[in-house]
C-alpha atoms as a PDB file:
ATOM      1  CA  UNK A   1     177.075  92.188  65.049  1.00  0.00           C
ATOM      2  CA  UNK A   2     174.392  91.703  67.689  1.00  0.00           C
ATOM      3  CA  UNK A   3     172.645  88.308  67.574  1.00  0.00           C
ATOM      4  CA  UNK A   4     170.490  85.891  69.544  1.00  0.00           C
ATOM      5  CA  UNK A   5     171.810  82.372  69.080  1.00  0.00           C
ATOM      6  CA  UNK A   6     171.829  78.772  70.265  1.00  0.00           C
ATOM      7  CA  UNK A   7     175.111  77.710  71.851  1.00  0.00           C
ATOM      8  CA  UNK A   8     173.974  74.332  73.197  1.00  0.00           C
ATOM      9  CA  UNK A   9     170.905  72.098  73.542  1.00  0.00           C
ATOM     10  CA  UNK A  10     168.778  71.148  76.517  1.00  0.00           C
ATOM     11  CA  UNK A  11     165.566  69.152  76.183  1.00  0.00           C
ATOM     12  CA  UNK A  12     164.442  70.019  79.719  1.00  0.00           C
ATOM     13  CA  UNK A  13     165.696  73.604  80.014  1.00  0.00           C
ATOM     14  CA  UNK A  14     165.968  74.962  76.462  1.00  0.00           C
ATOM     15  CA  UNK A  15     166.751  78.516  77.520  1.00  0.00           C
ATOM     16  CA  UNK A  16     170.020  77.308  79.084  1.00  0.00           C
ATOM     17  CA  UNK A  17     171.564  77.253  75.612  1.00  0.00           C
ATOM     18  CA  UNK A  18     170.281  80.673  74.529  1.00  0.00           C
ATOM     19  CA  UNK A  19     172.873  83.442  74.202  1.00  0.00           C
ATOM     20  CA  UNK A  20     172.266  87.139  73.570  1.00  0.00           C
ATOM     21  CA  UNK A  21     175.555  88.561  72.369  1.00  0.00           C
ATOM     22  CA  UNK A  22     177.823  89.101  69.371  1.00  0.00           C
ATOM     23  CA  UNK A  23     178.463  87.056  66.223  1.00  0.00           C
ATOM     24  CA  UNK A  24     180.575  87.748  63.122  1.00  0.00           C
ATOM     25  CA  UNK A  25     179.040  89.902  60.405  1.00  0.00           C
ATOM     26  CA  UNK A  26     177.565  87.754  57.608  1.00  0.00           C
ATOM     27  CA  UNK A  27     179.032  87.589  54.108  1.00  0.00           C
ATOM     28  CA  UNK A  28     176.543  87.167  51.275  1.00  0.00           C
ATOM     29  CA  UNK A  29     177.500  84.577  48.619  1.00  0.00           C
ATOM     30  CA  UNK A  30     176.845  85.318  44.965  1.00  0.00           C
ATOM     31  CA  UNK A  31     173.110  85.496  44.325  1.00  0.00           C
ATOM     32  CA  UNK A  32     172.340  86.194  47.972  1.00  0.00           C
ATOM     33  CA  UNK A  33     171.293  89.478  49.601  1.00  0.00           C
ATOM     34  CA  UNK A  34     172.092  91.081  52.935  1.00  0.00           C
ATOM     35  CA  UNK A  35     169.042  92.360  54.799  1.00  0.00           C
ATOM     36  CA  UNK A  36     169.281  94.765  57.728  1.00  0.00           C
ATOM     37  CA  UNK A  37     166.710  93.386  60.138  1.00  0.00           C
ATOM     38  CA  UNK A  38     164.160  95.810  61.520  1.00  0.00           C
ATOM     39  CA  UNK A  39     161.853  93.236  63.124  1.00  0.00           C
ATOM     40  CA  UNK A  40     161.733  89.466  63.551  1.00  0.00           C
ATOM     41  CA  UNK A  41     159.098  87.200  65.070  1.00  0.00           C
ATOM     42  CA  UNK A  42     159.402  84.202  67.368  1.00  0.00           C
ATOM     43  CA  UNK A  43     158.121  80.729  66.480  1.00  0.00           C
ATOM     44  CA  UNK A  44     157.889  77.421  68.323  1.00  0.00           C
ATOM     45  CA  UNK A  45     160.547  76.279  65.842  1.00  0.00           C
ATOM     46  CA  UNK A  46     163.048  78.497  67.685  1.00  0.00           C
ATOM     47  CA  UNK A  47     162.233  76.897  71.028  1.00  0.00           C
ATOM     48  CA  UNK A  48     162.472  73.403  69.534  1.00  0.00           C
ATOM     49  CA  UNK A  49     165.866  74.315  68.059  1.00  0.00           C
ATOM     50  CA  UNK A  50     167.145  74.987  71.590  1.00  0.00           C
ATOM     51  CA  UNK A  51     165.978  71.478  72.478  1.00  0.00           C
ATOM     52  CA  UNK A  52     168.026  70.062  69.605  1.00  0.00           C
ATOM     53  CA  UNK A  53     165.086  69.264  67.334  1.00  0.00           C
ATOM     54  CA  UNK A  54     165.815  69.953  63.653  1.00  0.00           C
ATOM     55  CA  UNK A  55     169.176  71.524  64.434  1.00  0.00           C
ATOM     56  CA  UNK A  56     172.419  69.527  64.402  1.00  0.00           C
ATOM     57  CA  UNK A  57     175.070  70.025  67.042  1.00  0.00           C
ATOM     58  CA  UNK A  58     177.780  70.568  64.413  1.00  0.00           C
ATOM     59  CA  UNK A  59     175.817  73.613  63.191  1.00  0.00           C
ATOM     60  CA  UNK A  60     176.241  75.405  66.539  1.00  0.00           C
ATOM     61  CA  UNK A  61     176.495  78.233  67.301  1.00  0.00           C
ATOM     62  CA  UNK A  62     173.388  79.010  65.247  1.00  0.00           C
ATOM     63  CA  UNK A  63     171.608  82.355  65.108  1.00  0.00           C
ATOM     64  CA  UNK A  64     167.923  81.585  65.668  1.00  0.00           C
ATOM     65  CA  UNK A  65     164.896  83.043  63.890  1.00  0.00           C
ATOM     66  CA  UNK A  66     163.049  82.179  60.675  1.00  0.00           C
ATOM     67  CA  UNK A  67     161.051  85.369  60.145  1.00  0.00           C
ATOM     68  CA  UNK A  68     162.179  88.902  59.397  1.00  0.00           C
ATOM     69  CA  UNK A  69     161.328  92.165  57.702  1.00  0.00           C
ATOM     70  CA  UNK A  70     163.940  94.772  56.960  1.00  0.00           C
ATOM     71  CA  UNK A  71     165.840  96.724  54.331  1.00  0.00           C
ATOM     72  CA  UNK A  72     168.003  95.230  51.564  1.00  0.00           C
ATOM     73  CA  UNK A  73     171.258  96.674  50.211  1.00  0.00           C
ATOM     74  CA  UNK A  74     169.349  98.796  47.689  1.00  0.00           C
ATOM     75  CA  UNK A  75     167.172 100.412  50.344  1.00  0.00           C
ATOM     76  CA  UNK A  76     164.050  98.377  49.542  1.00  0.00           C
ATOM     77  CA  UNK A  77     161.717  97.391  52.372  1.00  0.00           C
ATOM     78  CA  UNK A  78     161.352  93.617  52.188  1.00  0.00           C
ATOM     79  CA  UNK A  79     159.877  90.546  53.852  1.00  0.00           C
ATOM     80  CA  UNK A  80     162.152  87.496  54.048  1.00  0.00           C
ATOM     81  CA  UNK A  81     160.863  84.117  52.851  1.00  0.00           C
ATOM     82  CA  UNK A  82     162.193  81.554  55.338  1.00  0.00           C
ATOM     83  CA  UNK A  83     162.332  78.435  53.124  1.00  0.00           C
ATOM     84  CA  UNK A  84     165.755  78.017  51.512  1.00  0.00           C
ATOM     85  CA  UNK A  85     165.625  75.539  48.634  1.00  0.00           C
ATOM     86  CA  UNK A  86     168.459  74.096  46.588  1.00  0.00           C
ATOM     87  CA  UNK A  87     169.808  76.519  43.999  1.00  0.00           C
ATOM     88  CA  UNK A  88     168.917  74.077  41.189  1.00  0.00           C
ATOM     89  CA  UNK A  89     165.382  73.367  42.436  1.00  0.00           C
ATOM     90  CA  UNK A  90     162.436  74.615  40.394  1.00  0.00           C
ATOM     91  CA  UNK A  91     158.782  74.627  41.388  1.00  0.00           C
ATOM     92  CA  UNK A  92     157.241  74.429  44.862  1.00  0.00           C
ATOM     93  CA  UNK A  93     160.090  74.997  47.330  1.00  0.00           C
ATOM     94  CA  UNK A  94     158.266  73.092  50.063  1.00  0.00           C
ATOM     95  CA  UNK A  95     158.641  69.869  48.031  1.00  0.00           C
ATOM     96  CA  UNK A  96     162.416  70.159  47.644  1.00  0.00           C
ATOM     97  CA  UNK A  97     163.876  67.276  49.716  1.00  0.00           C
ATOM     98  CA  UNK A  98     166.971  69.411  50.353  1.00  0.00           C
ATOM     99  CA  UNK A  99     165.063  72.459  51.570  1.00  0.00           C
ATOM    100  CA  UNK A 100     165.643  73.944  55.003  1.00  0.00           C
ATOM    101  CA  UNK A 101     164.430  76.856  57.080  1.00  0.00           C
ATOM    102  CA  UNK A 102     166.614  79.740  58.118  1.00  0.00           C
ATOM    103  CA  UNK A 103     168.319  78.842  61.428  1.00  0.00           C
ATOM    104  CA  UNK A 104     168.702  75.162  60.448  1.00  0.00           C
ATOM    105  CA  UNK A 105     171.606  75.179  57.970  1.00  0.00           C
ATOM    106  CA  UNK A 106     171.846  78.920  57.395  1.00  0.00           C
ATOM    107  CA  UNK A 107     172.117  81.558  60.121  1.00  0.00           C
ATOM    108  CA  UNK A 108     168.760  82.983  61.197  1.00  0.00           C
ATOM    109  CA  UNK A 109     167.069  86.345  61.532  1.00  0.00           C
ATOM    110  CA  UNK A 110     167.545  87.281  65.212  1.00  0.00           C
ATOM    111  CA  UNK A 111     170.460  89.565  64.407  1.00  0.00           C
ATOM    112  CA  UNK A 112     171.401  92.945  62.985  1.00  0.00           C
ATOM    113  CA  UNK A 113     171.692  91.357  59.538  1.00  0.00           C
ATOM    114  CA  UNK A 114     170.708  88.160  57.760  1.00  0.00           C
ATOM    115  CA  UNK A 115     171.803  86.857  54.354  1.00  0.00           C
ATOM    116  CA  UNK A 116     169.301  84.996  52.167  1.00  0.00           C
ATOM    117  CA  UNK A 117     168.971  84.024  48.503  1.00  0.00           C
ATOM    118  CA  UNK A 118     167.890  87.121  46.593  1.00  0.00           C
ATOM    119  CA  UNK A 119     164.900  85.178  45.262  1.00  0.00           C
ATOM    120  CA  UNK A 120     163.647  84.910  48.875  1.00  0.00           C
ATOM    121  CA  UNK A 121     162.865  88.617  49.143  1.00  0.00           C
ATOM    122  CA  UNK A 122     159.266  89.858  48.864  1.00  0.00           C
ATOM    123  CA  UNK A 123     158.425  93.585  48.686  1.00  0.00           C
ATOM    124  CA  UNK A 124     156.905  94.950  51.892  1.00  0.00           C
ATOM    125  CA  UNK A 125     153.954  97.299  51.289  1.00  0.00           C
ATOM    126  CA  UNK A 126     154.198 100.758  52.834  1.00  0.00           C
ATOM    127  CA  UNK A 127     150.871 100.164  54.581  1.00  0.00           C
ATOM    128  CA  UNK A 128     152.372  97.459  56.781  1.00  0.00           C
ATOM    129  CA  UNK A 129     154.820  98.031  59.651  1.00  0.00           C
ATOM    130  CA  UNK A 130     158.044  96.050  59.902  1.00  0.00           C
ATOM    131  CA  UNK A 131     156.672  94.392  63.050  1.00  0.00           C
ATOM    132  CA  UNK A 132     153.498  93.286  61.254  1.00  0.00           C
ATOM    133  CA  UNK A 133     155.395  92.073  58.191  1.00  0.00           C
ATOM    134  CA  UNK A 134     157.808  90.063  60.341  1.00  0.00           C
ATOM    135  CA  UNK A 135     154.895  87.894  61.549  1.00  0.00           C
ATOM    136  CA  UNK A 136     154.078  86.578  58.088  1.00  0.00           C
ATOM    137  CA  UNK A 137     156.778  84.236  56.709  1.00  0.00           C
ATOM    138  CA  UNK A 138     156.164  81.225  58.968  1.00  0.00           C
ATOM    139  CA  UNK A 139     152.897  81.172  60.957  1.00  0.00           C
ATOM    140  CA  UNK A 140     150.825  83.323  58.618  1.00  0.00           C
ATOM    141  CA  UNK A 141     152.191  81.734  55.452  1.00  0.00           C
ATOM    142  CA  UNK A 142     151.493  78.300  56.948  1.00  0.00           C
ATOM    143  CA  UNK A 143     147.897  79.381  57.632  1.00  0.00           C
ATOM    144  CA  UNK A 144     147.465  80.859  54.144  1.00  0.00           C
ATOM    145  CA  UNK A 145     148.626  77.648  52.454  1.00  0.00           C
ATOM    146  CA  UNK A 146     146.472  75.490  54.752  1.00  0.00           C
ATOM    147  CA  UNK A 147     143.308  77.435  53.979  1.00  0.00           C
ATOM    148  CA  UNK A 148     143.578  78.396  50.338  1.00  0.00           C
ATOM    149  CA  UNK A 149     146.088  76.035  48.699  1.00  0.00           C
ATOM    150  CA  UNK A 150     145.905  72.670  50.446  1.00  0.00           C
ATOM    151  CA  UNK A 151     142.427  73.263  51.896  1.00  0.00           C
ATOM    152  CA  UNK A 152     141.076  74.816  48.683  1.00  0.00           C
ATOM    153  CA  UNK A 153     138.454  76.671  50.736  1.00  0.00           C
ATOM    154  CA  UNK A 154     136.019  79.077  49.110  1.00  0.00           C
ATOM    155  CA  UNK A 155     133.916  81.961  50.492  1.00  0.00           C
ATOM    156  CA  UNK A 156     130.811  80.688  52.273  1.00  0.00           C
ATOM    157  CA  UNK A 157     132.313  77.369  53.368  1.00  0.00           C
ATOM    158  CA  UNK A 158     132.670  76.500  57.052  1.00  0.00           C
ATOM    159  CA  UNK A 159     136.027  75.835  58.671  1.00  0.00           C
ATOM    160  CA  UNK A 160     136.945  74.645  62.159  1.00  0.00           C
ATOM    161  CA  UNK A 161     140.194  75.910  63.691  1.00  0.00           C
ATOM    162  CA  UNK A 162     141.424  73.722  66.524  1.00  0.00           C
ATOM    163  CA  UNK A 163     143.378  75.175  69.447  1.00  0.00           C
ATOM    164  CA  UNK A 164     142.850  78.936  69.189  1.00  0.00           C
ATOM    165  CA  UNK A 165     145.712  80.888  70.694  1.00  0.00           C
ATOM    166  CA  UNK A 166     148.926  79.998  68.884  1.00  0.00           C
ATOM    167  CA  UNK A 167     150.414  81.977  66.021  1.00  0.00           C
ATOM    168  CA  UNK A 168     149.125  79.685  63.260  1.00  0.00           C
ATOM    169  CA  UNK A 169     145.654  79.349  64.820  1.00  0.00           C
ATOM    170  CA  UNK A 170     145.166  83.101  65.207  1.00  0.00           C
ATOM    171  CA  UNK A 171     146.323  83.575  61.615  1.00  0.00           C
ATOM    172  CA  UNK A 172     143.859  80.905  60.438  1.00  0.00           C
ATOM    173  CA  UNK A 173     140.939  82.622  62.175  1.00  0.00           C
ATOM    174  CA  UNK A 174     141.838  86.084  60.886  1.00  0.00           C
ATOM    175  CA  UNK A 175     142.529  85.044  57.282  1.00  0.00           C
ATOM    176  CA  UNK A 176     139.478  82.767  57.083  1.00  0.00           C
ATOM    177  CA  UNK A 177     137.139  85.516  58.291  1.00  0.00           C
ATOM    178  CA  UNK A 178     138.693  88.058  55.904  1.00  0.00           C
ATOM    179  CA  UNK A 179     138.167  85.641  53.008  1.00  0.00           C
ATOM    180  CA  UNK A 180     134.447  85.185  53.682  1.00  0.00           C
ATOM    181  CA  UNK A 181     134.511  81.790  55.408  1.00  0.00           C
ATOM    182  CA  UNK A 182     132.330  80.817  58.354  1.00  0.00           C
ATOM    183  CA  UNK A 183     134.792  80.265  61.185  1.00  0.00           C
ATOM    184  CA  UNK A 184     134.385  78.008  64.213  1.00  0.00           C
ATOM    185  CA  UNK A 185     137.183  77.721  66.770  1.00  0.00           C
ATOM    186  CA  UNK A 186     137.987  75.672  69.868  1.00  0.00           C
ATOM    187  CA  UNK A 187     140.138  76.133  72.938  1.00  0.00           C
ATOM    188  CA  UNK A 188     140.377  74.653  76.422  1.00  0.00           C
ATOM    189  CA  UNK A 189     140.827  78.179  77.770  1.00  0.00           C
ATOM    190  CA  UNK A 190     137.817  80.471  78.212  1.00  0.00           C
ATOM    191  CA  UNK A 191     139.879  83.634  77.779  1.00  0.00           C
ATOM    192  CA  UNK A 192     141.333  82.343  74.518  1.00  0.00           C
ATOM    193  CA  UNK A 193     137.860  81.499  73.252  1.00  0.00           C
ATOM    194  CA  UNK A 194     136.824  85.088  73.978  1.00  0.00           C
ATOM    195  CA  UNK A 195     139.875  86.393  72.110  1.00  0.00           C
ATOM    196  CA  UNK A 196     139.059  84.137  69.155  1.00  0.00           C
ATOM    197  CA  UNK A 197     135.639  85.809  68.901  1.00  0.00           C
ATOM    198  CA  UNK A 198     137.331  89.205  68.909  1.00  0.00           C
ATOM    199  CA  UNK A 199     139.596  88.027  66.079  1.00  0.00           C
ATOM    200  CA  UNK A 200     136.634  87.119  63.911  1.00  0.00           C
ATOM    201  CA  UNK A 201     135.483  83.593  64.775  1.00  0.00           C
ATOM    202  CA  UNK A 202     131.714  83.323  64.365  1.00  0.00           C
ATOM    203  CA  UNK A 203     131.369  80.758  67.169  1.00  0.00           C
ATOM    204  CA  UNK A 204     133.726  79.232  69.740  1.00  0.00           C
ATOM    205  CA  UNK A 205     133.542  75.986  71.691  1.00  0.00           C
ATOM    206  CA  UNK A 206     135.380  74.111  74.379  1.00  0.00           C
ATOM    207  CA  UNK A 207     137.835  71.600  72.969  1.00  0.00           C
ATOM    208  CA  UNK A 208     136.007  68.390  72.105  1.00  0.00           C
ATOM    209  CA  UNK A 209     132.516  69.910  72.296  1.00  0.00           C
ATOM    210  CA  UNK A 210     129.864  68.725  69.862  1.00  0.00           C
ATOM    211  CA  UNK A 211     129.410  71.298  67.101  1.00  0.00           C
ATOM    212  CA  UNK A 212     125.992  72.460  65.872  1.00  0.00           C
ATOM    213  CA  UNK A 213     126.986  71.783  62.248  1.00  0.00           C
ATOM    214  CA  UNK A 214     129.354  69.590  60.290  1.00  0.00           C
ATOM    215  CA  UNK A 215     132.178  71.594  58.735  1.00  0.00           C
ATOM    216  CA  UNK A 216     133.715  71.563  55.266  1.00  0.00           C
ATOM    217  CA  UNK A 217     137.277  71.519  56.577  1.00  0.00           C
ATOM    218  CA  UNK A 218     139.269  71.384  59.803  1.00  0.00           C
ATOM    219  CA  UNK A 219     142.583  73.167  60.278  1.00  0.00           C
ATOM    220  CA  UNK A 220     144.575  70.905  62.579  1.00  0.00           C
ATOM    221  CA  UNK A 221     147.793  71.934  64.355  1.00  0.00           C
ATOM    222  CA  UNK A 222     147.256  70.183  67.703  1.00  0.00           C
ATOM    223  CA  UNK A 223     147.355  66.483  66.823  1.00  0.00           C
ATOM    224  CA  UNK A 224     146.586  63.746  69.330  1.00  0.00           C
ATOM    225  CA  UNK A 225     144.438  65.845  71.695  1.00  0.00           C
ATOM    226  CA  UNK A 226     141.995  67.013  69.019  1.00  0.00           C
ATOM    227  CA  UNK A 227     142.285  64.442  66.211  1.00  0.00           C
ATOM    228  CA  UNK A 228     139.153  62.406  66.958  1.00  0.00           C
ATOM    229  CA  UNK A 229     137.094  65.572  67.352  1.00  0.00           C
ATOM    230  CA  UNK A 230     138.446  66.881  64.031  1.00  0.00           C
ATOM    231  CA  UNK A 231     137.416  63.740  62.171  1.00  0.00           C
ATOM    232  CA  UNK A 232     133.973  63.627  63.793  1.00  0.00           C
ATOM    233  CA  UNK A 233     133.319  67.302  63.017  1.00  0.00           C
ATOM    234  CA  UNK A 234     133.587  66.888  59.237  1.00  0.00           C
ATOM    235  CA  UNK A 235     130.751  66.538  56.761  1.00  0.00           C
ATOM    236  CA  UNK A 236     130.956  63.572  54.361  1.00  0.00           C
ATOM    237  CA  UNK A 237     133.655  64.356  51.821  1.00  0.00           C
ATOM    238  CA  UNK A 238     135.250  66.944  54.113  1.00  0.00           C
ATOM    239  CA  UNK A 239     138.946  67.456  54.630  1.00  0.00           C
ATOM    240  CA  UNK A 240     141.462  67.876  57.426  1.00  0.00           C
ATOM    241  CA  UNK A 241     144.540  69.963  56.716  1.00  0.00           C
ATOM    242  CA  UNK A 242     147.301  69.250  59.213  1.00  0.00           C
ATOM    243  CA  UNK A 243     150.478  71.267  59.685  1.00  0.00           C
ATOM    244  CA  UNK A 244     151.533  70.353  63.216  1.00  0.00           C
ATOM    245  CA  UNK A 245     151.102  68.082  66.208  1.00  0.00           C
ATOM    246  CA  UNK A 246     151.771  70.250  69.240  1.00  0.00           C
ATOM    247  CA  UNK A 247     150.089  67.763  71.602  1.00  0.00           C
ATOM    248  CA  UNK A 248     152.052  64.831  70.196  1.00  0.00           C
ATOM    249  CA  UNK A 249     151.794  62.689  67.043  1.00  0.00           C
ATOM    250  CA  UNK A 250     150.816  59.351  68.606  1.00  0.00           C
ATOM    251  CA  UNK A 251     147.157  58.387  68.262  1.00  0.00           C
ATOM    252  CA  UNK A 252     145.196  55.785  70.210  1.00  0.00           C
ATOM    253  CA  UNK A 253     142.571  55.728  67.443  1.00  0.00           C
ATOM    254  CA  UNK A 254     143.190  57.303  64.054  1.00  0.00           C
ATOM    255  CA  UNK A 255     139.467  57.024  63.191  1.00  0.00           C
ATOM    256  CA  UNK A 256     140.371  55.168  59.985  1.00  0.00           C
ATOM    257  CA  UNK A 257     136.942  53.560  59.648  1.00  0.00           C
ATOM    258  CA  UNK A 258     135.211  56.938  59.757  1.00  0.00           C
ATOM    259  CA  UNK A 259     137.781  58.408  57.344  1.00  0.00           C
ATOM    260  CA  UNK A 260     137.224  55.814  54.617  1.00  0.00           C
ATOM    261  CA  UNK A 261     133.468  55.411  55.133  1.00  0.00           C
ATOM    262  CA  UNK A 262     132.794  59.159  54.884  1.00  0.00           C
ATOM    263  CA  UNK A 263     135.462  59.576  52.185  1.00  0.00           C
ATOM    264  CA  UNK A 264     137.319  62.196  54.176  1.00  0.00           C
ATOM    265  CA  UNK A 265     140.611  63.667  53.006  1.00  0.00           C
ATOM    266  CA  UNK A 266     143.654  64.135  55.237  1.00  0.00           C
ATOM    267  CA  UNK A 267     146.070  66.636  53.713  1.00  0.00           C
ATOM    268  CA  UNK A 268     149.513  67.559  54.969  1.00  0.00           C
ATOM    269  CA  UNK A 269     150.737  71.127  54.699  1.00  0.00           C
ATOM    270  CA  UNK A 270     154.160  72.617  55.388  1.00  0.00           C
ATOM    271  CA  UNK A 271     155.056  76.308  55.248  1.00  0.00           C
ATOM    272  CA  UNK A 272     154.482  77.833  51.792  1.00  0.00           C
ATOM    273  CA  UNK A 273     156.230  79.079  48.680  1.00  0.00           C
ATOM    274  CA  UNK A 274     157.768  82.447  47.988  1.00  0.00           C
ATOM    275  CA  UNK A 275     154.940  83.219  45.539  1.00  0.00           C
ATOM    276  CA  UNK A 276     152.354  82.291  48.186  1.00  0.00           C
ATOM    277  CA  UNK A 277     154.072  84.654  50.641  1.00  0.00           C
ATOM    278  CA  UNK A 278     153.841  87.428  48.063  1.00  0.00           C
ATOM    279  CA  UNK A 279     150.144  86.609  47.521  1.00  0.00           C
ATOM    280  CA  UNK A 280     149.563  86.687  51.292  1.00  0.00           C
ATOM    281  CA  UNK A 281     151.250  90.093  51.573  1.00  0.00           C
ATOM    282  CA  UNK A 282     149.098  91.455  48.723  1.00  0.00           C
ATOM    283  CA  UNK A 283     145.953  89.987  50.308  1.00  0.00           C
ATOM    284  CA  UNK A 284     146.681  91.677  53.615  1.00  0.00           C
ATOM    285  CA  UNK A 285     147.574  94.963  51.955  1.00  0.00           C
ATOM    286  CA  UNK A 286     144.319  94.950  49.948  1.00  0.00           C
ATOM    287  CA  UNK A 287     142.030  93.941  52.823  1.00  0.00           C
ATOM    288  CA  UNK A 288     143.718  95.804  55.671  1.00  0.00           C
ATOM    289  CA  UNK A 289     144.017  92.525  57.575  1.00  0.00           C
ATOM    290  CA  UNK A 290     146.829  92.579  60.111  1.00  0.00           C
ATOM    291  CA  UNK A 291     148.471  89.941  62.288  1.00  0.00           C
ATOM    292  CA  UNK A 292     147.702  89.803  65.982  1.00  0.00           C
ATOM    293  CA  UNK A 293     150.832  90.738  67.926  1.00  0.00           C
ATOM    294  CA  UNK A 294     150.895  89.492  71.504  1.00  0.00           C
ATOM    295  CA  UNK A 295     153.843  91.732  72.421  1.00  0.00           C
ATOM    296  CA  UNK A 296     156.800  93.560  70.881  1.00  0.00           C
ATOM    297  CA  UNK A 297     160.123  93.256  72.706  1.00  0.00           C
ATOM    298  CA  UNK A 298     163.543  94.792  71.946  1.00  0.00           C
ATOM    299  CA  UNK A 299     165.700  92.024  70.517  1.00  0.00           C
ATOM    300  CA  UNK A 300     168.264  92.410  73.290  1.00  0.00           C
ATOM    301  CA  UNK A 301     165.507  91.228  75.657  1.00  0.00           C
ATOM    302  CA  UNK A 302     164.728  88.162  73.530  1.00  0.00           C
ATOM    303  CA  UNK A 303     165.080  85.812  76.491  1.00  0.00           C
ATOM    304  CA  UNK A 304     161.821  87.234  77.910  1.00  0.00           C
ATOM    305  CA  UNK A 305     160.002  86.314  74.699  1.00  0.00           C
ATOM    306  CA  UNK A 306     161.388  82.775  74.688  1.00  0.00           C
ATOM    307  CA  UNK A 307     160.350  82.359  78.330  1.00  0.00           C
ATOM    308  CA  UNK A 308     156.789  83.508  77.591  1.00  0.00           C
ATOM    309  CA  UNK A 309     156.481  81.065  74.712  1.00  0.00           C
ATOM    310  CA  UNK A 310     157.884  78.223  76.809  1.00  0.00           C
ATOM    311  CA  UNK A 311     155.264  78.945  79.479  1.00  0.00           C
ATOM    312  CA  UNK A 312     152.443  79.100  76.908  1.00  0.00           C
ATOM    313  CA  UNK A 313     151.634  82.672  77.933  1.00  0.00           C
ATOM    314  CA  UNK A 314     150.963  83.838  74.364  1.00  0.00           C
ATOM    315  CA  UNK A 315     148.002  84.796  72.172  1.00  0.00           C
ATOM    316  CA  UNK A 316     149.296  85.845  68.778  1.00  0.00           C
ATOM    317  CA  UNK A 317     152.866  86.593  67.763  1.00  0.00           C
ATOM    318  CA  UNK A 318     155.876  87.688  69.799  1.00  0.00           C
ATOM    319  CA  UNK A 319     157.948  90.171  67.824  1.00  0.00           C
ATOM    320  CA  UNK A 320     161.520  91.326  68.396  1.00  0.00           C
ATOM    321  CA  UNK A 321     162.333  94.839  67.207  1.00  0.00           C
ATOM    322  CA  UNK A 322     165.677  96.432  66.274  1.00  0.00           C
END
């Protein structure tokens, strides 16, 4: 079958190990389902995999891709949940120490077909295209969990989204506005600040700028470059929800004094559960909210999408269609 896969690693030139070609057809074990992929979306995880981060050399060649929407063997339109937990695990899949994402231990979604545990399938509503649905399982699910599960945000509260532009940040802005939150967003880039307003942010600011109000919560995916600003932007008793460190994890000053004195909470968040993905899909179906798609590319031209992400030339999601 057709597939886009990692054949080797390169920290400096990750696309050197990317192959667009043929791989053997998958065979579904008992309890697993075969999904014919209609659309799949690109994540930074895929680029990091080509650098050898989170993917072991003995697993190569590995079909990349965490996210997909398609059709199962029974003809049902489905969205694929990307977190694969141990068969004996019960409860929140994100807490399973043996969990993995598709394309880490199990072949990924950038292919004609992908096999996943049957429990990982979520019905796709007819109102949503395959391309839109394919954006949800990683970036949008991460944003949903950050806001409403770990962040416990309620309508009327104020949230700051750091680093508008990436897939998670655009999802945070869109979902927060749809849920009745007051949304502030930052970016170093003027054009991205303008796009954030179009998405639904109430106000936008340059990265690091003093805000006119203290916020109830900060959604943090940037890390070192924005951490101090995130802490200083919170009201007493506020919370930071962090799901990534795209600017690097090392901190010169973790602002620990401010954190304990103002009784701030720092909450980690990773992906989301299958039930949370289903809740996100229902939320979007009911509200008409849709993911921002930067571009849709035929999967056989996937290299162009990887190159755009590597260059940072993205606002929203890159989707591969079949």
